[in-house]
Amino acid sequence: MGGLPVFTLNPFAALPAAVPPVAMQVYVAVMIALVACGTLIDIVHKRSARYFFNHRRTVQAGATRPVGAGEAAALAVETIVVAGLAAGEFSNPWRRLSHLLTMYGFLLYVVTTAVLIFAYPAGAAPAPPIVTELWYLGALLICVGGYWFWLFLRVDAAAEGNSRLRLVRADLFIVALLASATCALIWARCEAAAEPLWAHVFFGLYLLSSTVLFASVPWSKFAHMFYKPAAAFQKRIEQANGYRRNLPAPAAQPAALGSDRRRPRNY
């Protein structure tokens, strides 16, 4: 990959003079603030924190055995490895692979963007090739995992027969993420090919899509990445301390299963 010049070009160092490095640094700081504020707004609006702490007190009251600090730490590590790093909550192996590609691509993309903007802006020392290569790799992984999910693995399209072009609010995160990564790659390619007009166009689209991605936290699934590890850890605590959820009994299965197969798709 290092043999291809485009993958070693730091596009943030090739920005025009009209976009000074400090402007991009301020932009990144504002995006971080928007994510933090958006997550807090989402927590308050959905009352997630209140529900979590109330449920935690209920679990503690209904526990049949205590969970010590050492066991809790082991469960936290298990949660990070299984639910976080390995996406163990996905039973479908293809969905899990798509999620992992997108997740690790997103982490690489965000971290290397911050490194390139703050440590190697225009006028500074050139960025090490490995940093820029990881930035391109992160964007490419997002595109591979994200478009694979969008075109072939979405439940409403793959199982329910809805159009792949159908958009709902729940799609805001993945659509904005794909737009950001796609525009970033095209912008960098235009920079490498010395096409300033198209570089400016796709840089503008890159900023627009990235702003939508980070500013839409209260309305997208962005905040779920913070909730899911906490929920997975809480579930393991419940299993360890013997707490039993008061769930309704499973619904009875229909007597003639074969007849269901002949029902219309939208039954």
C-alpha atoms as a PDB file:
ATOM      1  CA  MET A   1       0.000   0.000   0.000  1.00  0.00           C
ATOM      2  CA  GLY A   2       2.906   2.327   0.671  1.00  0.00           C
ATOM      3  CA  GLY A   3       3.931   2.093  -2.992  1.00  0.00           C
ATOM      4  CA  LEU A   4       0.852   4.054  -4.053  1.00  0.00           C
ATOM      5  CA  PRO A   5       1.458   7.806  -3.613  1.00  0.00           C
ATOM      6  CA  VAL A   6      -2.199   8.560  -2.890  1.00  0.00           C
ATOM      7  CA  PHE A   7      -2.069   6.433   0.269  1.00  0.00           C
ATOM      8  CA  THR A   8       0.875   8.389   1.685  1.00  0.00           C
ATOM      9  CA  LEU A   9      -0.523  11.864   0.984  1.00  0.00           C
ATOM     10  CA  ASN A  10      -1.820  13.726   4.033  1.00  0.00           C
ATOM     11  CA  PRO A  11      -4.833  15.536   2.525  1.00  0.00           C
ATOM     12  CA  PHE A  12      -5.111  17.836   5.550  1.00  0.00           C
ATOM     13  CA  ALA A  13      -1.614  19.167   4.854  1.00  0.00           C
ATOM     14  CA  ALA A  14      -2.663  19.991   1.276  1.00  0.00           C
ATOM     15  CA  LEU A  15      -5.581  22.217   2.260  1.00  0.00           C
ATOM     16  CA  PRO A  16      -5.703  25.662   0.597  1.00  0.00           C
ATOM     17  CA  ALA A  17      -4.509  28.745   2.445  1.00  0.00           C
ATOM     18  CA  ALA A  18      -8.139  29.750   2.968  1.00  0.00           C
ATOM     19  CA  VAL A  19      -8.436  26.863   5.461  1.00  0.00           C
ATOM     20  CA  PRO A  20      -5.643  27.358   8.028  1.00  0.00           C
ATOM     21  CA  PRO A  21      -4.687  24.434  10.297  1.00  0.00           C
ATOM     22  CA  VAL A  22      -6.193  26.135  13.342  1.00  0.00           C
ATOM     23  CA  ALA A  23      -9.589  26.204  11.600  1.00  0.00           C
ATOM     24  CA  MET A  24      -9.585  22.418  11.205  1.00  0.00           C
ATOM     25  CA  GLN A  25      -8.400  21.992  14.795  1.00  0.00           C
ATOM     26  CA  VAL A  26     -11.256  24.147  16.043  1.00  0.00           C
ATOM     27  CA  TYR A  27     -13.640  22.173  13.839  1.00  0.00           C
ATOM     28  CA  VAL A  28     -12.522  18.872  15.417  1.00  0.00           C
ATOM     29  CA  ALA A  29     -12.896  20.340  18.919  1.00  0.00           C
ATOM     30  CA  VAL A  30     -16.428  21.519  18.058  1.00  0.00           C
ATOM     31  CA  MET A  31     -17.345  18.060  16.722  1.00  0.00           C
ATOM     32  CA  ILE A  32     -16.123  16.440  19.966  1.00  0.00           C
ATOM     33  CA  ALA A  33     -18.213  18.910  21.960  1.00  0.00           C
ATOM     34  CA  LEU A  34     -21.258  18.160  19.784  1.00  0.00           C
ATOM     35  CA  VAL A  35     -20.904  14.423  20.423  1.00  0.00           C
ATOM     36  CA  ALA A  36     -20.629  14.996  24.189  1.00  0.00           C
ATOM     37  CA  CYS A  37     -23.585  17.400  24.277  1.00  0.00           C
ATOM     38  CA  GLY A  38     -25.651  15.243  21.947  1.00  0.00           C
ATOM     39  CA  THR A  39     -25.097  12.162  24.094  1.00  0.00           C
ATOM     40  CA  LEU A  40     -26.149  14.066  27.230  1.00  0.00           C
ATOM     41  CA  ILE A  41     -29.254  15.379  25.438  1.00  0.00           C
ATOM     42  CA  ASP A  42     -30.092  11.843  24.317  1.00  0.00           C
ATOM     43  CA  ILE A  43     -29.676  10.526  27.873  1.00  0.00           C
ATOM     44  CA  VAL A  44     -31.890  13.242  29.336  1.00  0.00           C
ATOM     45  CA  HIS A  45     -34.547  12.997  26.625  1.00  0.00           C
ATOM     46  CA  LYS A  46     -34.829   9.205  26.797  1.00  0.00           C
ATOM     47  CA  ARG A  47     -34.189   9.127  30.571  1.00  0.00           C
ATOM     48  CA  SER A  48     -31.645   6.378  29.956  1.00  0.00           C
ATOM     49  CA  ALA A  49     -29.506   7.218  32.988  1.00  0.00           C
ATOM     50  CA  ARG A  50     -32.507   7.251  35.349  1.00  0.00           C
ATOM     51  CA  TYR A  51     -33.713   3.909  34.011  1.00  0.00           C
ATOM     52  CA  PHE A  52     -30.216   2.407  34.253  1.00  0.00           C
ATOM     53  CA  PHE A  53     -29.670   3.414  37.884  1.00  0.00           C
ATOM     54  CA  ASN A  54     -33.210   2.434  38.925  1.00  0.00           C
ATOM     55  CA  HIS A  55     -32.786  -0.939  37.263  1.00  0.00           C
ATOM     56  CA  ARG A  56     -29.381  -1.352  38.904  1.00  0.00           C
ATOM     57  CA  ARG A  57     -30.936  -0.837  42.347  1.00  0.00           C
ATOM     58  CA  THR A  58     -33.631  -3.372  41.469  1.00  0.00           C
ATOM     59  CA  VAL A  59     -30.988  -5.880  40.403  1.00  0.00           C
ATOM     60  CA  GLN A  60     -29.024  -5.383  43.610  1.00  0.00           C
ATOM     61  CA  ALA A  61     -32.163  -5.877  45.693  1.00  0.00           C
ATOM     62  CA  GLY A  62     -33.116  -9.039  43.807  1.00  0.00           C
ATOM     63  CA  ALA A  63     -29.634 -10.612  43.719  1.00  0.00           C
ATOM     64  CA  THR A  64     -29.185 -14.041  45.294  1.00  0.00           C
ATOM     65  CA  ARG A  65     -25.413 -13.754  45.698  1.00  0.00           C
ATOM     66  CA  PRO A  66     -22.952 -10.837  45.874  1.00  0.00           C
ATOM     67  CA  VAL A  67     -20.540 -10.067  43.038  1.00  0.00           C
ATOM     68  CA  GLY A  68     -17.136  -9.022  44.375  1.00  0.00           C
ATOM     69  CA  ALA A  69     -14.852  -6.391  42.913  1.00  0.00           C
ATOM     70  CA  GLY A  70     -12.558  -8.995  41.345  1.00  0.00           C
ATOM     71  CA  GLU A  71     -15.425 -10.836  39.669  1.00  0.00           C
ATOM     72  CA  ALA A  72     -16.933  -7.555  38.460  1.00  0.00           C
ATOM     73  CA  ALA A  73     -13.571  -6.561  36.965  1.00  0.00           C
ATOM     74  CA  ALA A  74     -13.345  -9.920  35.196  1.00  0.00           C
ATOM     75  CA  LEU A  75     -16.872  -9.444  33.832  1.00  0.00           C
ATOM     76  CA  ALA A  76     -15.926  -5.962  32.632  1.00  0.00           C
ATOM     77  CA  VAL A  77     -12.925  -7.367  30.745  1.00  0.00           C
ATOM     78  CA  GLU A  78     -15.122 -10.108  29.288  1.00  0.00           C
ATOM     79  CA  THR A  79     -17.640  -7.486  28.174  1.00  0.00           C
ATOM     80  CA  ILE A  80     -14.935  -5.403  26.483  1.00  0.00           C
ATOM     81  CA  VAL A  81     -13.439  -8.406  24.687  1.00  0.00           C
ATOM     82  CA  VAL A  82     -16.602 -10.309  23.735  1.00  0.00           C
ATOM     83  CA  ALA A  83     -19.264  -7.627  23.313  1.00  0.00           C
ATOM     84  CA  GLY A  84     -16.952  -4.780  22.320  1.00  0.00           C
ATOM     85  CA  LEU A  85     -13.878  -5.983  20.448  1.00  0.00           C
ATOM     86  CA  ALA A  86     -15.443  -9.148  19.006  1.00  0.00           C
ATOM     87  CA  ALA A  87     -19.072  -7.945  18.578  1.00  0.00           C
ATOM     88  CA  GLY A  88     -20.289 -11.132  20.237  1.00  0.00           C
ATOM     89  CA  GLU A  89     -23.903  -9.932  20.412  1.00  0.00           C
ATOM     90  CA  PHE A  90     -24.308 -10.673  16.680  1.00  0.00           C
ATOM     91  CA  SER A  91     -25.365 -14.261  16.030  1.00  0.00           C
ATOM     92  CA  ASN A  92     -25.213 -13.801  12.249  1.00  0.00           C
ATOM     93  CA  PRO A  93     -21.515 -14.136  11.276  1.00  0.00           C
ATOM     94  CA  TRP A  94     -21.897 -11.869   8.227  1.00  0.00           C
ATOM     95  CA  ARG A  95     -23.499  -9.088  10.252  1.00  0.00           C
ATOM     96  CA  ARG A  96     -20.761  -9.472  12.838  1.00  0.00           C
ATOM     97  CA  LEU A  97     -18.032  -9.206  10.199  1.00  0.00           C
ATOM     98  CA  SER A  98     -19.697  -6.172   8.641  1.00  0.00           C
ATOM     99  CA  HIS A  99     -20.004  -4.546  12.063  1.00  0.00           C
ATOM    100  CA  LEU A 100     -16.361  -5.254  12.922  1.00  0.00           C
ATOM    101  CA  LEU A 101     -15.105  -3.833   9.635  1.00  0.00           C
ATOM    102  CA  THR A 102     -17.157  -0.678  10.134  1.00  0.00           C
ATOM    103  CA  MET A 103     -16.307  -0.322  13.822  1.00  0.00           C
ATOM    104  CA  TYR A 104     -12.542  -0.730  13.471  1.00  0.00           C
ATOM    105  CA  GLY A 105     -12.575   1.403  10.354  1.00  0.00           C
ATOM    106  CA  PHE A 106     -14.408   4.152  12.244  1.00  0.00           C
ATOM    107  CA  LEU A 107     -11.903   4.022  15.120  1.00  0.00           C
ATOM    108  CA  LEU A 108      -8.936   4.214  12.738  1.00  0.00           C
ATOM    109  CA  TYR A 109     -10.610   6.967  10.736  1.00  0.00           C
ATOM    110  CA  VAL A 110     -11.387   9.178  13.741  1.00  0.00           C
ATOM    111  CA  VAL A 111      -8.095   8.685  15.603  1.00  0.00           C
ATOM    112  CA  THR A 112      -5.848   9.203  12.568  1.00  0.00           C
ATOM    113  CA  THR A 113      -7.888  12.237  11.484  1.00  0.00           C
ATOM    114  CA  ALA A 114      -7.184  13.856  14.850  1.00  0.00           C
ATOM    115  CA  VAL A 115      -3.493  12.914  14.650  1.00  0.00           C
ATOM    116  CA  LEU A 116      -3.084  14.317  11.128  1.00  0.00           C
ATOM    117  CA  ILE A 117      -4.918  17.550  11.928  1.00  0.00           C
ATOM    118  CA  PHE A 118      -3.260  18.304  15.280  1.00  0.00           C
ATOM    119  CA  ALA A 119       0.216  16.770  14.883  1.00  0.00           C
ATOM    120  CA  TYR A 120       0.932  17.125  11.152  1.00  0.00           C
ATOM    121  CA  PRO A 121      -0.949  20.155   9.773  1.00  0.00           C
ATOM    122  CA  ALA A 122       0.121  22.199   6.776  1.00  0.00           C
ATOM    123  CA  GLY A 123       3.590  23.664   7.314  1.00  0.00           C
ATOM    124  CA  ALA A 124       4.582  21.043   9.894  1.00  0.00           C
ATOM    125  CA  ALA A 125       6.802  18.019   9.409  1.00  0.00           C
ATOM    126  CA  PRO A 126       5.351  15.415   7.003  1.00  0.00           C
ATOM    127  CA  ALA A 127       3.241  12.740   8.639  1.00  0.00           C
ATOM    128  CA  PRO A 128       4.778   9.251   8.846  1.00  0.00           C
ATOM    129  CA  PRO A 129       3.470   7.112   5.972  1.00  0.00           C
ATOM    130  CA  ILE A 130       1.929   4.618   8.413  1.00  0.00           C
ATOM    131  CA  VAL A 131      -0.370   7.303   9.852  1.00  0.00           C
ATOM    132  CA  THR A 132      -1.758   8.357   6.481  1.00  0.00           C
ATOM    133  CA  GLU A 133      -2.037   4.739   5.350  1.00  0.00           C
ATOM    134  CA  LEU A 134      -4.090   3.939   8.456  1.00  0.00           C
ATOM    135  CA  TRP A 135      -6.342   6.920   7.708  1.00  0.00           C
ATOM    136  CA  TYR A 136      -7.051   5.574   4.210  1.00  0.00           C
ATOM    137  CA  LEU A 137      -7.434   2.048   5.580  1.00  0.00           C
ATOM    138  CA  GLY A 138      -9.971   3.248   8.151  1.00  0.00           C
ATOM    139  CA  ALA A 139     -12.052   5.021   5.497  1.00  0.00           C
ATOM    140  CA  LEU A 140     -11.884   1.985   3.203  1.00  0.00           C
ATOM    141  CA  LEU A 141     -12.962  -0.390   5.998  1.00  0.00           C
ATOM    142  CA  ILE A 142     -15.935   1.863   6.723  1.00  0.00           C
ATOM    143  CA  CYS A 143     -16.934   1.735   3.067  1.00  0.00           C
ATOM    144  CA  VAL A 144     -16.536  -2.051   2.784  1.00  0.00           C
ATOM    145  CA  GLY A 145     -18.383  -2.861   6.006  1.00  0.00           C
ATOM    146  CA  GLY A 146     -20.933  -0.073   5.700  1.00  0.00           C
ATOM    147  CA  TYR A 147     -21.950  -0.577   2.083  1.00  0.00           C
ATOM    148  CA  TRP A 148     -22.058  -4.353   2.604  1.00  0.00           C
ATOM    149  CA  PHE A 149     -24.459  -3.819   5.503  1.00  0.00           C
ATOM    150  CA  TRP A 150     -26.509  -1.187   3.655  1.00  0.00           C
ATOM    151  CA  LEU A 151     -26.940  -3.114   0.426  1.00  0.00           C
ATOM    152  CA  PHE A 152     -27.195  -6.733   1.608  1.00  0.00           C
ATOM    153  CA  LEU A 153     -27.579  -7.143   5.381  1.00  0.00           C
ATOM    154  CA  ARG A 154     -30.167  -4.608   6.557  1.00  0.00           C
ATOM    155  CA  VAL A 155     -33.126  -6.455   8.029  1.00  0.00           C
ATOM    156  CA  ASP A 156     -35.767  -4.217   6.463  1.00  0.00           C
ATOM    157  CA  ALA A 157     -34.253  -4.755   3.009  1.00  0.00           C
ATOM    158  CA  ALA A 158     -32.972  -8.349   3.226  1.00  0.00           C
ATOM    159  CA  ALA A 159     -35.841  -9.914   5.211  1.00  0.00           C
ATOM    160  CA  GLU A 160     -38.795  -7.566   4.830  1.00  0.00           C
ATOM    161  CA  GLY A 161     -38.398  -6.775   1.149  1.00  0.00           C
ATOM    162  CA  ASN A 162     -38.199  -2.994   1.500  1.00  0.00           C
ATOM    163  CA  SER A 163     -36.261  -0.942  -1.030  1.00  0.00           C
ATOM    164  CA  ARG A 164     -32.536  -0.529  -0.367  1.00  0.00           C
ATOM    165  CA  LEU A 165     -33.014   3.173  -1.083  1.00  0.00           C
ATOM    166  CA  ARG A 166     -35.592   3.552   1.695  1.00  0.00           C
ATOM    167  CA  LEU A 167     -34.375   5.922   4.417  1.00  0.00           C
ATOM    168  CA  VAL A 168     -35.634   6.268   7.987  1.00  0.00           C
ATOM    169  CA  ARG A 169     -34.246   8.194  10.946  1.00  0.00           C
ATOM    170  CA  ALA A 170     -32.489   5.081  12.250  1.00  0.00           C
ATOM    171  CA  ASP A 171     -30.347   5.118   9.079  1.00  0.00           C
ATOM    172  CA  LEU A 172     -28.970   8.604   9.764  1.00  0.00           C
ATOM    173  CA  PHE A 173     -25.781   7.396  11.460  1.00  0.00           C
ATOM    174  CA  ILE A 174     -24.708   4.843   8.861  1.00  0.00           C
ATOM    175  CA  VAL A 175     -25.632   7.078   5.917  1.00  0.00           C
ATOM    176  CA  ALA A 176     -23.710  10.064   7.328  1.00  0.00           C
ATOM    177  CA  LEU A 177     -20.734   7.839   8.184  1.00  0.00           C
ATOM    178  CA  LEU A 178     -20.620   6.338   4.686  1.00  0.00           C
ATOM    179  CA  ALA A 179     -20.943   9.781   3.108  1.00  0.00           C
ATOM    180  CA  SER A 180     -18.103  11.138   5.263  1.00  0.00           C
ATOM    181  CA  ALA A 181     -15.717   8.263   4.481  1.00  0.00           C
ATOM    182  CA  THR A 182     -16.616   8.192   0.773  1.00  0.00           C
ATOM    183  CA  CYS A 183     -16.210  11.946   0.304  1.00  0.00           C
ATOM    184  CA  ALA A 184     -12.952  11.847   2.283  1.00  0.00           C
ATOM    185  CA  LEU A 185     -11.475   9.227  -0.051  1.00  0.00           C
ATOM    186  CA  ILE A 186     -12.598  11.053  -3.196  1.00  0.00           C
ATOM    187  CA  TRP A 187     -11.309  14.380  -1.815  1.00  0.00           C
ATOM    188  CA  ALA A 188      -7.904  12.832  -1.036  1.00  0.00           C
ATOM    189  CA  ARG A 189      -7.778  11.271  -4.506  1.00  0.00           C
ATOM    190  CA  CYS A 190      -8.507  14.645  -6.103  1.00  0.00           C
ATOM    191  CA  GLU A 191      -5.781  16.250  -3.989  1.00  0.00           C
ATOM    192  CA  ALA A 192      -3.301  13.601  -5.139  1.00  0.00           C
ATOM    193  CA  ALA A 193      -4.347  14.071  -8.782  1.00  0.00           C
ATOM    194  CA  ALA A 194      -3.963  17.877  -8.501  1.00  0.00           C
ATOM    195  CA  GLU A 195      -7.597  18.572  -9.373  1.00  0.00           C
ATOM    196  CA  PRO A 196      -8.301  21.617  -7.151  1.00  0.00           C
ATOM    197  CA  LEU A 197     -11.881  22.234  -8.280  1.00  0.00           C
ATOM    198  CA  TRP A 198     -13.088  18.722  -7.493  1.00  0.00           C
ATOM    199  CA  ALA A 199     -10.928  18.651  -4.375  1.00  0.00           C
ATOM    200  CA  HIS A 200     -12.749  21.747  -3.087  1.00  0.00           C
ATOM    201  CA  VAL A 201     -16.145  20.267  -3.970  1.00  0.00           C
ATOM    202  CA  PHE A 202     -15.555  16.974  -2.178  1.00  0.00           C
ATOM    203  CA  PHE A 203     -13.821  18.669   0.742  1.00  0.00           C
ATOM    204  CA  GLY A 204     -16.996  20.705   1.221  1.00  0.00           C
ATOM    205  CA  LEU A 205     -19.125  17.540   1.013  1.00  0.00           C
ATOM    206  CA  TYR A 206     -16.756  15.835   3.450  1.00  0.00           C
ATOM    207  CA  LEU A 207     -17.207  18.650   5.979  1.00  0.00           C
ATOM    208  CA  LEU A 208     -20.978  18.653   5.469  1.00  0.00           C
ATOM    209  CA  SER A 209     -21.389  14.901   5.941  1.00  0.00           C
ATOM    210  CA  SER A 210     -19.005  14.832   8.918  1.00  0.00           C
ATOM    211  CA  THR A 211     -20.936  17.670  10.552  1.00  0.00           C
ATOM    212  CA  VAL A 212     -24.202  15.780  10.082  1.00  0.00           C
ATOM    213  CA  LEU A 213     -22.571  12.653  11.515  1.00  0.00           C
ATOM    214  CA  PHE A 214     -21.385  14.301  14.730  1.00  0.00           C
ATOM    215  CA  ALA A 215     -24.117  16.909  15.167  1.00  0.00           C
ATOM    216  CA  SER A 216     -27.023  14.476  14.779  1.00  0.00           C
ATOM    217  CA  VAL A 217     -26.225  12.382  17.865  1.00  0.00           C
ATOM    218  CA  PRO A 218     -29.592  13.128  19.579  1.00  0.00           C
ATOM    219  CA  TRP A 219     -31.485  11.837  16.529  1.00  0.00           C
ATOM    220  CA  SER A 220     -29.228   9.017  15.288  1.00  0.00           C
ATOM    221  CA  LYS A 221     -27.860   5.762  16.678  1.00  0.00           C
ATOM    222  CA  PHE A 222     -24.470   7.307  17.404  1.00  0.00           C
ATOM    223  CA  ALA A 223     -25.082   7.307  21.174  1.00  0.00           C
ATOM    224  CA  HIS A 224     -25.830   3.572  21.112  1.00  0.00           C
ATOM    225  CA  MET A 225     -22.116   2.838  20.996  1.00  0.00           C
ATOM    226  CA  PHE A 226     -21.921   4.229  24.541  1.00  0.00           C
ATOM    227  CA  TYR A 227     -25.040   2.452  25.814  1.00  0.00           C
ATOM    228  CA  LYS A 228     -24.412  -1.036  24.474  1.00  0.00           C
ATOM    229  CA  PRO A 229     -21.244  -1.821  26.497  1.00  0.00           C
ATOM    230  CA  ALA A 230     -22.952  -0.658  29.706  1.00  0.00           C
ATOM    231  CA  ALA A 231     -26.035  -2.764  28.948  1.00  0.00           C
ATOM    232  CA  ALA A 232     -23.911  -5.815  28.097  1.00  0.00           C
ATOM    233  CA  PHE A 233     -21.940  -5.441  31.343  1.00  0.00           C
ATOM    234  CA  GLN A 234     -25.141  -5.071  33.366  1.00  0.00           C
ATOM    235  CA  LYS A 235     -26.521  -8.250  31.790  1.00  0.00           C
ATOM    236  CA  ARG A 236     -23.424 -10.187  32.842  1.00  0.00           C
ATOM    237  CA  ILE A 237     -23.728  -8.836  36.380  1.00  0.00           C
ATOM    238  CA  GLU A 238     -27.340 -10.047  36.495  1.00  0.00           C
ATOM    239  CA  GLN A 239     -26.319 -13.503  35.325  1.00  0.00           C
ATOM    240  CA  ALA A 240     -23.558 -13.647  37.942  1.00  0.00           C
ATOM    241  CA  ASN A 241     -25.583 -12.457  40.946  1.00  0.00           C
ATOM    242  CA  GLY A 242     -28.599 -14.678  40.246  1.00  0.00           C
ATOM    243  CA  TYR A 243     -31.105 -11.915  39.493  1.00  0.00           C
ATOM    244  CA  ARG A 244     -34.180 -13.117  37.623  1.00  0.00           C
ATOM    245  CA  ARG A 245     -36.026 -10.756  35.298  1.00  0.00           C
ATOM    246  CA  ASN A 246     -39.816 -10.842  35.468  1.00  0.00           C
ATOM    247  CA  LEU A 247     -40.399 -11.611  31.810  1.00  0.00           C
ATOM    248  CA  PRO A 248     -43.715 -12.862  30.381  1.00  0.00           C
ATOM    249  CA  ALA A 249     -43.958 -16.473  29.302  1.00  0.00           C
ATOM    250  CA  PRO A 250     -43.160 -17.187  25.630  1.00  0.00           C
ATOM    251  CA  ALA A 251     -46.147 -17.002  23.315  1.00  0.00           C
ATOM    252  CA  ALA A 252     -47.617 -20.303  22.231  1.00  0.00           C
ATOM    253  CA  GLN A 253     -46.563 -21.522  18.801  1.00  0.00           C
ATOM    254  CA  PRO A 254     -49.310 -21.954  16.151  1.00  0.00           C
ATOM    255  CA  ALA A 255     -50.510 -25.517  15.702  1.00  0.00           C
ATOM    256  CA  ALA A 256     -50.120 -25.576  11.915  1.00  0.00           C
ATOM    257  CA  LEU A 257     -46.730 -24.108  11.146  1.00  0.00           C
ATOM    258  CA  GLY A 258     -46.905 -25.110   7.529  1.00  0.00           C
ATOM    259  CA  SER A 259     -49.844 -22.813   6.874  1.00  0.00           C
ATOM    260  CA  ASP A 260     -47.786 -19.748   7.863  1.00  0.00           C
ATOM    261  CA  ARG A 261     -45.415 -20.333   4.968  1.00  0.00           C
ATOM    262  CA  ARG A 262     -48.228 -19.768   2.485  1.00  0.00           C
ATOM    263  CA  ARG A 263     -49.247 -16.413   3.930  1.00  0.00           C
ATOM    264  CA  PRO A 264     -48.476 -13.228   2.054  1.00  0.00           C
ATOM    265  CA  ARG A 265     -45.080 -11.598   2.702  1.00  0.00           C
ATOM    266  CA  ASN A 266     -46.611  -8.609   4.434  1.00  0.00           C
ATOM    267  CA  TYR A 267     -49.010 -10.613   6.619  1.00  0.00           C
END
